[in-house]
């Protein structure tokens, strides 16, 4: 048997710095998930996100919006306040102003606008629930307990 060092390209098979190899292979998935959620604009590369880096836009992924909003809270997050912040980002004020100016006095039109508003509220709530459950699956969030059902707890802090 020949020693492995005598074979060509033995560096590919033999590693002398095991610590660096272990960090490269094992990694830190929670840290990577957090960094990806915070730096989502870098991956999207869309025109709207790159021009306004400080604002949260509805074009961002829902989970990313929720995680960035969760960074503004402490270790315990009030779900209602969190939802209202999420809803404020998704609802565009210019669309509200246009829909208010289109209201007519006929009851038929009023019913249709109320139905569309309830559908959009339900869609926003569904998107919120999906994002929160994705944060729970990734291990960044702990769901509410029986004692405090209106609060969630952040599990991971900072990078």
N, C-alpha and C. Protein backbone atom coordinates (compact mmCIF):
# COMPACT_ATOMS: atom_id res chain seq x y z
N UNK A 1 0.84 -1.18 0.00
CA UNK A 1 0.00 0.00 0.00
C UNK A 1 0.88 1.24 0.00
N UNK A 2 0.49 2.18 -0.80
CA UNK A 2 1.20 3.45 -0.88
C UNK A 2 0.56 4.44 0.08
N UNK A 3 1.36 5.32 0.64
CA UNK A 3 0.75 6.37 1.47
C UNK A 3 -0.08 7.32 0.60
N UNK A 4 -1.15 7.85 1.16
CA UNK A 4 -2.06 8.69 0.40
C UNK A 4 -1.39 9.98 -0.08
N UNK A 5 -0.39 10.45 0.62
CA UNK A 5 0.31 11.67 0.22
C UNK A 5 1.08 11.50 -1.09
N UNK A 6 1.41 10.27 -1.48
CA UNK A 6 2.16 10.05 -2.71
C UNK A 6 1.27 10.01 -3.94
N UNK A 7 -0.05 9.93 -3.77
CA UNK A 7 -0.98 9.89 -4.90
C UNK A 7 -1.22 11.31 -5.43
N UNK A 8 -1.43 11.42 -6.75
CA UNK A 8 -1.75 12.75 -7.29
C UNK A 8 -3.10 13.23 -6.76
N UNK A 9 -3.21 14.53 -6.57
CA UNK A 9 -4.43 15.17 -6.06
C UNK A 9 -4.84 14.62 -4.69
N UNK A 10 -3.88 14.27 -3.88
CA UNK A 10 -4.20 13.74 -2.56
C UNK A 10 -4.86 14.79 -1.66
N UNK A 11 -4.68 16.08 -2.01
CA UNK A 11 -5.30 17.14 -1.20
C UNK A 11 -6.82 17.08 -1.25
N UNK A 12 -7.33 16.55 -2.31
CA UNK A 12 -8.79 16.45 -2.44
C UNK A 12 -9.34 15.46 -1.42
N UNK A 13 -8.59 14.42 -1.14
CA UNK A 13 -9.05 13.38 -0.25
C UNK A 13 -8.60 13.55 1.19
N UNK A 14 -7.48 14.19 1.39
CA UNK A 14 -6.90 14.29 2.72
C UNK A 14 -6.97 15.74 3.20
N UNK A 15 -7.55 15.93 4.36
CA UNK A 15 -7.66 17.26 4.93
C UNK A 15 -6.87 17.31 6.23
N UNK A 16 -6.04 18.32 6.33
CA UNK A 16 -5.24 18.45 7.54
C UNK A 16 -5.89 19.37 8.56
N UNK A 17 -6.74 20.27 8.11
CA UNK A 17 -7.43 21.18 9.02
C UNK A 17 -8.89 20.72 9.14
N UNK A 18 -9.12 19.86 10.07
CA UNK A 18 -10.42 19.23 10.24
C UNK A 18 -11.47 20.24 10.71
N UNK A 19 -11.08 21.22 11.51
CA UNK A 19 -12.03 22.22 12.02
C UNK A 19 -12.69 22.99 10.89
N UNK A 20 -11.91 23.41 9.92
CA UNK A 20 -12.47 24.15 8.79
C UNK A 20 -13.39 23.28 7.96
N UNK A 21 -13.03 22.03 7.81
CA UNK A 21 -13.87 21.11 7.06
C UNK A 21 -15.20 20.89 7.77
N UNK A 22 -15.16 20.73 9.07
CA UNK A 22 -16.40 20.52 9.83
C UNK A 22 -17.32 21.73 9.74
N UNK A 23 -16.79 22.94 9.86
CA UNK A 23 -17.65 24.12 9.76
C UNK A 23 -18.21 24.27 8.36
N UNK A 24 -17.45 23.89 7.33
CA UNK A 24 -17.95 23.97 5.96
C UNK A 24 -19.04 22.94 5.70
N UNK A 25 -18.89 21.75 6.23
CA UNK A 25 -19.86 20.70 5.98
C UNK A 25 -21.08 20.80 6.88
N UNK A 26 -20.87 21.10 8.14
CA UNK A 26 -21.99 21.16 9.07
C UNK A 26 -22.73 22.48 8.95
N UNK A 27 -22.00 23.57 8.95
CA UNK A 27 -22.62 24.88 8.84
C UNK A 27 -23.46 25.24 10.05
N UNK A 28 -24.15 26.33 9.94
CA UNK A 28 -25.06 26.79 10.98
C UNK A 28 -26.37 27.14 10.29
N UNK A 29 -27.30 26.18 10.16
CA UNK A 29 -28.51 26.44 9.38
C UNK A 29 -29.38 27.56 9.93
N UNK A 30 -29.47 27.68 11.24
CA UNK A 30 -30.31 28.74 11.81
C UNK A 30 -29.75 30.11 11.45
N UNK A 31 -28.43 30.26 11.54
CA UNK A 31 -27.81 31.53 11.19
C UNK A 31 -28.01 31.84 9.71
N UNK A 32 -27.91 30.82 8.86
CA UNK A 32 -28.09 31.02 7.42
C UNK A 32 -29.53 31.41 7.10
N UNK A 33 -30.48 30.78 7.78
CA UNK A 33 -31.89 31.11 7.57
C UNK A 33 -32.15 32.55 7.99
N UNK A 34 -31.64 32.94 9.15
CA UNK A 34 -31.82 34.31 9.62
C UNK A 34 -31.20 35.32 8.65
N UNK A 35 -30.01 35.05 8.20
CA UNK A 35 -29.34 35.96 7.27
C UNK A 35 -30.11 36.05 5.96
N UNK A 36 -30.63 34.94 5.47
CA UNK A 36 -31.38 34.95 4.22
C UNK A 36 -32.70 35.71 4.36
N UNK A 37 -33.35 35.58 5.51
CA UNK A 37 -34.60 36.31 5.71
C UNK A 37 -34.37 37.81 5.82
N UNK A 38 -33.26 38.20 6.41
CA UNK A 38 -32.96 39.62 6.55
C UNK A 38 -32.41 40.25 5.27
N UNK A 39 -31.73 39.46 4.45
CA UNK A 39 -31.12 39.97 3.23
C UNK A 39 -31.86 39.50 1.99
N UNK A 40 -33.18 39.44 2.05
CA UNK A 40 -33.98 38.90 0.95
C UNK A 40 -33.87 39.76 -0.31
N UNK A 41 -33.62 41.05 -0.16
CA UNK A 41 -33.50 41.93 -1.33
C UNK A 41 -32.32 41.53 -2.21
N UNK A 42 -31.28 41.01 -1.59
CA UNK A 42 -30.09 40.58 -2.33
C UNK A 42 -30.44 39.42 -3.26
N UNK A 43 -31.36 38.56 -2.84
CA UNK A 43 -31.71 37.40 -3.64
C UNK A 43 -32.80 37.70 -4.66
N UNK A 44 -33.72 38.60 -4.33
CA UNK A 44 -34.80 38.92 -5.26
C UNK A 44 -34.30 39.71 -6.47
N UNK A 45 -33.45 40.68 -6.22
CA UNK A 45 -32.87 41.53 -7.27
C UNK A 45 -33.93 42.17 -8.16
N UNK A 46 -35.02 42.61 -7.57
CA UNK A 46 -36.03 43.30 -8.35
C UNK A 46 -35.81 44.81 -8.23
N UNK A 47 -36.34 45.56 -9.17
CA UNK A 47 -36.12 47.00 -9.20
C UNK A 47 -36.73 47.73 -8.01
N UNK A 48 -37.90 47.29 -7.55
CA UNK A 48 -38.56 47.99 -6.45
C UNK A 48 -37.82 47.81 -5.13
N UNK A 49 -37.23 46.66 -4.93
CA UNK A 49 -36.54 46.40 -3.66
C UNK A 49 -35.18 47.07 -3.59
N UNK A 50 -34.48 47.13 -4.69
CA UNK A 50 -33.14 47.71 -4.64
C UNK A 50 -33.18 49.23 -4.52
N UNK A 51 -34.24 49.86 -5.02
CA UNK A 51 -34.29 51.32 -4.96
C UNK A 51 -34.67 51.83 -3.58
N UNK A 52 -35.46 51.07 -2.82
CA UNK A 52 -35.90 51.50 -1.48
C UNK A 52 -35.49 50.46 -0.46
N UNK A 53 -34.26 50.48 -0.08
CA UNK A 53 -33.76 49.44 0.81
C UNK A 53 -34.27 49.56 2.25
N UNK A 54 -34.66 50.75 2.68
CA UNK A 54 -35.05 50.91 4.07
C UNK A 54 -36.52 50.54 4.32
N UNK A 55 -37.36 50.59 3.30
CA UNK A 55 -38.78 50.31 3.49
C UNK A 55 -39.10 48.85 3.26
N UNK A 56 -40.07 48.35 4.00
CA UNK A 56 -40.59 47.02 3.75
C UNK A 56 -41.68 47.14 2.69
N UNK A 57 -41.57 46.35 1.64
CA UNK A 57 -42.51 46.41 0.53
C UNK A 57 -43.35 45.15 0.46
N UNK A 58 -44.58 45.25 -0.05
CA UNK A 58 -45.43 44.06 -0.16
C UNK A 58 -44.89 43.03 -1.14
N UNK A 59 -43.95 43.40 -2.00
CA UNK A 59 -43.39 42.45 -2.95
C UNK A 59 -42.40 41.48 -2.31
N UNK A 60 -41.97 41.77 -1.09
CA UNK A 60 -41.08 40.85 -0.38
C UNK A 60 -41.86 39.60 0.03
N UNK A 61 -41.14 38.53 0.31
CA UNK A 61 -41.78 37.30 0.76
C UNK A 61 -42.40 37.53 2.13
N UNK A 62 -43.56 36.94 2.36
CA UNK A 62 -44.30 37.16 3.61
C UNK A 62 -43.48 36.76 4.83
N UNK A 63 -42.79 35.64 4.77
CA UNK A 63 -41.99 35.19 5.90
C UNK A 63 -40.87 36.17 6.20
N UNK A 64 -40.29 36.74 5.17
CA UNK A 64 -39.23 37.72 5.36
C UNK A 64 -39.77 38.99 6.00
N UNK A 65 -40.93 39.44 5.56
CA UNK A 65 -41.57 40.62 6.16
C UNK A 65 -41.84 40.36 7.64
N UNK A 66 -42.40 39.20 7.94
CA UNK A 66 -42.72 38.88 9.34
C UNK A 66 -41.47 38.79 10.20
N UNK A 67 -40.40 38.23 9.66
CA UNK A 67 -39.17 38.11 10.45
C UNK A 67 -38.55 39.48 10.70
N UNK A 68 -38.57 40.34 9.70
CA UNK A 68 -38.03 41.70 9.89
C UNK A 68 -38.87 42.46 10.90
N UNK A 69 -40.19 42.29 10.85
CA UNK A 69 -41.06 42.93 11.85
C UNK A 69 -40.82 42.35 13.24
N UNK A 70 -40.55 41.06 13.31
CA UNK A 70 -40.29 40.43 14.62
C UNK A 70 -39.00 40.95 15.24
N UNK A 71 -38.06 41.40 14.42
CA UNK A 71 -36.81 41.95 14.93
C UNK A 71 -37.05 43.24 15.73
N UNK A 72 -38.16 43.93 15.44
CA UNK A 72 -38.47 45.17 16.14
C UNK A 72 -39.02 44.93 17.54
N UNK A 73 -39.43 43.70 17.83
CA UNK A 73 -40.00 43.38 19.14
C UNK A 73 -38.95 42.72 20.01
N UNK A 74 -39.29 42.52 21.26
CA UNK A 74 -38.40 41.83 22.18
C UNK A 74 -38.52 40.33 22.00
N UNK A 75 -38.36 39.60 23.10
CA UNK A 75 -38.45 38.15 23.00
C UNK A 75 -39.88 37.65 22.95
N UNK A 76 -40.85 38.47 23.36
CA UNK A 76 -42.26 38.11 23.29
C UNK A 76 -42.96 39.08 22.35
N UNK A 77 -43.73 38.55 21.40
CA UNK A 77 -44.38 39.36 20.37
C UNK A 77 -45.88 39.23 20.51
N UNK A 78 -46.56 40.36 20.58
CA UNK A 78 -48.01 40.38 20.59
C UNK A 78 -48.48 40.08 19.17
N UNK A 79 -49.26 39.00 19.00
CA UNK A 79 -49.66 38.55 17.68
C UNK A 79 -50.55 39.57 17.00
N UNK A 80 -51.44 40.21 17.74
CA UNK A 80 -52.34 41.20 17.14
C UNK A 80 -51.56 42.40 16.61
N UNK A 81 -50.63 42.92 17.38
CA UNK A 81 -49.82 44.04 16.91
C UNK A 81 -48.96 43.64 15.71
N UNK A 82 -48.43 42.45 15.76
CA UNK A 82 -47.62 41.93 14.67
C UNK A 82 -48.44 41.82 13.39
N UNK A 83 -49.67 41.31 13.53
CA UNK A 83 -50.57 41.19 12.38
C UNK A 83 -50.93 42.56 11.82
N UNK A 84 -51.19 43.53 12.70
CA UNK A 84 -51.54 44.87 12.23
C UNK A 84 -50.37 45.51 11.48
N UNK A 85 -49.16 45.29 11.94
CA UNK A 85 -47.98 45.80 11.24
C UNK A 85 -47.83 45.14 9.88
N UNK A 86 -48.06 43.84 9.82
CA UNK A 86 -47.98 43.09 8.56
C UNK A 86 -49.06 43.57 7.60
N UNK A 87 -50.25 43.77 8.11
CA UNK A 87 -51.37 44.22 7.28
C UNK A 87 -51.11 45.62 6.74
N UNK A 88 -50.52 46.50 7.55
CA UNK A 88 -50.22 47.86 7.10
C UNK A 88 -49.22 47.87 5.95
N UNK A 89 -48.32 46.91 5.95
CA UNK A 89 -47.34 46.83 4.85
C UNK A 89 -48.00 46.35 3.58
N UNK A 90 -48.91 45.36 3.71
CA UNK A 90 -49.53 44.78 2.52
C UNK A 90 -50.60 45.66 1.90
N UNK A 91 -51.31 46.41 2.72
CA UNK A 91 -52.40 47.25 2.21
C UNK A 91 -51.80 48.56 1.71
N UNK A 92 -52.03 48.84 0.45
CA UNK A 92 -51.48 50.04 -0.16
C UNK A 92 -52.45 51.21 0.05
N UNK A 93 -52.04 52.32 0.66
CA UNK A 93 -52.95 53.43 0.92
C UNK A 93 -53.51 54.06 -0.35
N UNK A 94 -52.78 54.04 -1.44
CA UNK A 94 -53.28 54.65 -2.67
C UNK A 94 -54.46 53.87 -3.22
N UNK A 95 -54.48 52.55 -3.04
CA UNK A 95 -55.61 51.74 -3.47
C UNK A 95 -56.82 52.04 -2.61
N UNK A 96 -56.63 52.25 -1.31
CA UNK A 96 -57.74 52.60 -0.42
C UNK A 96 -58.38 53.91 -0.85
N UNK A 97 -57.56 54.89 -1.16
CA UNK A 97 -58.08 56.19 -1.55
C UNK A 97 -58.90 56.09 -2.83
N UNK A 98 -58.45 55.29 -3.79
CA UNK A 98 -59.20 55.12 -5.03
C UNK A 98 -60.50 54.39 -4.78
N UNK A 99 -60.50 53.37 -3.92
CA UNK A 99 -61.73 52.63 -3.68
C UNK A 99 -62.74 53.48 -2.91
N UNK A 100 -62.30 54.39 -2.04
CA UNK A 100 -63.23 55.27 -1.33
C UNK A 100 -63.89 56.24 -2.28
N UNK A 101 -63.16 56.70 -3.28
CA UNK A 101 -63.74 57.66 -4.21
C UNK A 101 -64.71 56.99 -5.16
N UNK A 102 -64.64 55.68 -5.35
CA UNK A 102 -65.52 54.96 -6.26
C UNK A 102 -66.82 54.52 -5.60
N UNK A 103 -66.96 54.65 -4.28
CA UNK A 103 -68.18 54.22 -3.59
C UNK A 103 -69.37 55.01 -4.10
N UNK A 104 -70.46 54.29 -4.33
CA UNK A 104 -71.70 54.95 -4.72
C UNK A 104 -72.73 54.72 -3.63
N UNK A 105 -73.85 55.38 -3.75
CA UNK A 105 -74.86 55.28 -2.71
C UNK A 105 -75.75 54.07 -2.88
N UNK A 106 -75.62 53.31 -3.95
CA UNK A 106 -76.47 52.15 -4.15
C UNK A 106 -76.03 51.02 -3.24
N UNK A 107 -77.01 50.33 -2.63
CA UNK A 107 -76.66 49.26 -1.70
C UNK A 107 -75.97 48.08 -2.38
N UNK A 108 -76.27 47.86 -3.67
CA UNK A 108 -75.66 46.73 -4.37
C UNK A 108 -74.15 46.89 -4.46
N UNK A 109 -73.70 48.09 -4.79
CA UNK A 109 -72.26 48.34 -4.88
C UNK A 109 -71.61 48.23 -3.50
N UNK A 110 -72.30 48.68 -2.48
CA UNK A 110 -71.75 48.65 -1.13
C UNK A 110 -71.50 47.22 -0.69
N UNK A 111 -72.44 46.31 -1.01
CA UNK A 111 -72.26 44.91 -0.64
C UNK A 111 -71.07 44.31 -1.34
N UNK A 112 -70.87 44.64 -2.60
CA UNK A 112 -69.75 44.07 -3.35
C UNK A 112 -68.41 44.54 -2.78
N UNK A 113 -68.32 45.81 -2.40
CA UNK A 113 -67.05 46.30 -1.86
C UNK A 113 -66.80 45.71 -0.48
N UNK A 114 -67.85 45.52 0.31
CA UNK A 114 -67.66 44.90 1.62
C UNK A 114 -67.18 43.47 1.47
N UNK A 115 -67.72 42.76 0.48
CA UNK A 115 -67.30 41.38 0.27
C UNK A 115 -65.84 41.31 -0.17
N UNK A 116 -65.45 42.23 -1.06
CA UNK A 116 -64.06 42.20 -1.52
C UNK A 116 -63.10 42.59 -0.39
N UNK A 117 -63.53 43.51 0.50
CA UNK A 117 -62.69 43.87 1.64
C UNK A 117 -62.53 42.70 2.60
N UNK A 118 -63.62 41.94 2.84
CA UNK A 118 -63.51 40.81 3.74
C UNK A 118 -62.64 39.71 3.13
N UNK A 119 -62.71 39.56 1.81
CA UNK A 119 -61.87 38.56 1.16
C UNK A 119 -60.40 38.96 1.26
N UNK A 120 -60.10 40.23 1.06
CA UNK A 120 -58.70 40.65 1.15
C UNK A 120 -58.21 40.53 2.59
N UNK A 121 -59.06 40.81 3.56
CA UNK A 121 -58.66 40.64 4.96
C UNK A 121 -58.41 39.17 5.27
N UNK A 122 -59.24 38.29 4.70
CA UNK A 122 -59.04 36.86 4.92
C UNK A 122 -57.76 36.39 4.23
N UNK A 123 -57.48 36.92 3.05
CA UNK A 123 -56.25 36.55 2.34
C UNK A 123 -55.02 37.03 3.11
N UNK A 124 -55.10 38.23 3.65
CA UNK A 124 -53.98 38.76 4.43
C UNK A 124 -53.76 37.92 5.68
N UNK A 125 -54.87 37.54 6.32
CA UNK A 125 -54.74 36.71 7.52
C UNK A 125 -54.17 35.33 7.18
N UNK A 126 -54.55 34.78 6.03
CA UNK A 126 -54.01 33.48 5.62
C UNK A 126 -52.51 33.58 5.33
N UNK A 127 -52.11 34.66 4.68
CA UNK A 127 -50.69 34.87 4.41
C UNK A 127 -49.90 35.04 5.70
N UNK A 128 -50.50 35.74 6.67
CA UNK A 128 -49.86 35.93 7.97
C UNK A 128 -49.68 34.58 8.68
N UNK A 129 -50.73 33.78 8.69
CA UNK A 129 -50.66 32.47 9.36
C UNK A 129 -49.64 31.57 8.70
N UNK A 130 -49.57 31.61 7.38
CA UNK A 130 -48.59 30.79 6.66
C UNK A 130 -47.17 31.23 7.01
N UNK A 131 -46.93 32.53 7.04
CA UNK A 131 -45.60 33.04 7.39
C UNK A 131 -45.20 32.70 8.81
N UNK A 132 -46.14 32.82 9.74
CA UNK A 132 -45.86 32.49 11.14
C UNK A 132 -45.55 31.00 11.28
N UNK A 133 -46.31 30.16 10.59
CA UNK A 133 -46.04 28.72 10.68
C UNK A 133 -44.69 28.37 10.04
N UNK A 134 -44.27 29.09 8.98
CA UNK A 134 -42.95 28.86 8.40
C UNK A 134 -41.84 29.26 9.38
N UNK A 135 -42.06 30.34 10.11
CA UNK A 135 -41.08 30.74 11.13
C UNK A 135 -41.02 29.72 12.26
N UNK A 136 -42.15 29.12 12.58
CA UNK A 136 -42.16 28.10 13.62
C UNK A 136 -41.43 26.85 13.14
N UNK A 137 -41.65 26.45 11.90
CA UNK A 137 -41.01 25.25 11.37
C UNK A 137 -39.49 25.43 11.31
N UNK A 138 -39.03 26.63 11.00
CA UNK A 138 -37.59 26.88 10.92
C UNK A 138 -36.95 26.97 12.31
N UNK A 139 -37.76 27.04 13.35
CA UNK A 139 -37.21 27.06 14.70
C UNK A 139 -36.88 28.45 15.20
N UNK A 140 -37.39 29.48 14.55
CA UNK A 140 -37.11 30.85 14.96
C UNK A 140 -38.19 31.40 15.89
N UNK A 141 -39.28 30.66 16.04
CA UNK A 141 -40.43 31.15 16.77
C UNK A 141 -41.07 30.00 17.54
N UNK A 142 -41.54 30.29 18.74
CA UNK A 142 -42.27 29.30 19.54
C UNK A 142 -43.72 29.74 19.61
N UNK A 143 -44.61 28.82 19.34
CA UNK A 143 -46.03 29.15 19.30
C UNK A 143 -46.56 29.46 20.70
N UNK A 144 -47.73 30.10 20.77
CA UNK A 144 -48.26 30.52 22.07
C UNK A 144 -48.62 29.35 22.97
N UNK A 145 -48.56 29.64 24.26
CA UNK A 145 -48.93 28.64 25.26
C UNK A 145 -50.36 28.88 25.69
N UNK A 146 -50.89 27.97 26.51
CA UNK A 146 -52.25 28.14 27.01
C UNK A 146 -52.36 29.34 27.93
N UNK A 147 -51.26 29.63 28.62
CA UNK A 147 -51.29 30.73 29.57
C UNK A 147 -51.31 32.09 28.86
N UNK A 148 -50.59 32.22 27.74
CA UNK A 148 -50.53 33.47 26.99
C UNK A 148 -50.81 33.18 25.51
N UNK A 149 -52.07 32.97 25.14
CA UNK A 149 -52.37 32.57 23.76
C UNK A 149 -52.20 33.69 22.73
N UNK A 150 -52.14 34.94 23.16
CA UNK A 150 -52.04 36.05 22.21
C UNK A 150 -50.60 36.53 22.01
N UNK A 151 -49.63 35.79 22.50
CA UNK A 151 -48.22 36.13 22.34
C UNK A 151 -47.45 34.94 21.78
N UNK A 152 -46.44 35.23 20.95
CA UNK A 152 -45.49 34.20 20.51
C UNK A 152 -44.12 34.59 21.04
N UNK A 153 -43.25 33.62 21.14
CA UNK A 153 -41.91 33.88 21.68
C UNK A 153 -40.86 33.65 20.61
N UNK A 154 -39.97 34.64 20.49
CA UNK A 154 -38.83 34.48 19.58
C UNK A 154 -37.83 33.56 20.24
N UNK A 155 -37.31 32.63 19.47
CA UNK A 155 -36.35 31.68 20.02
C UNK A 155 -34.93 32.11 19.68
N UNK A 156 -34.71 32.60 18.49
CA UNK A 156 -33.36 32.99 18.05
C UNK A 156 -33.25 34.51 18.03
N UNK A 157 -32.12 35.01 18.50
CA UNK A 157 -31.88 36.44 18.55
C UNK A 157 -30.60 36.78 17.84
N UNK A 158 -30.65 37.81 17.01
CA UNK A 158 -29.45 38.32 16.37
C UNK A 158 -28.74 37.29 15.51
N UNK A 159 -27.60 37.71 14.99
CA UNK A 159 -26.81 36.79 14.14
C UNK A 159 -25.48 36.51 14.74
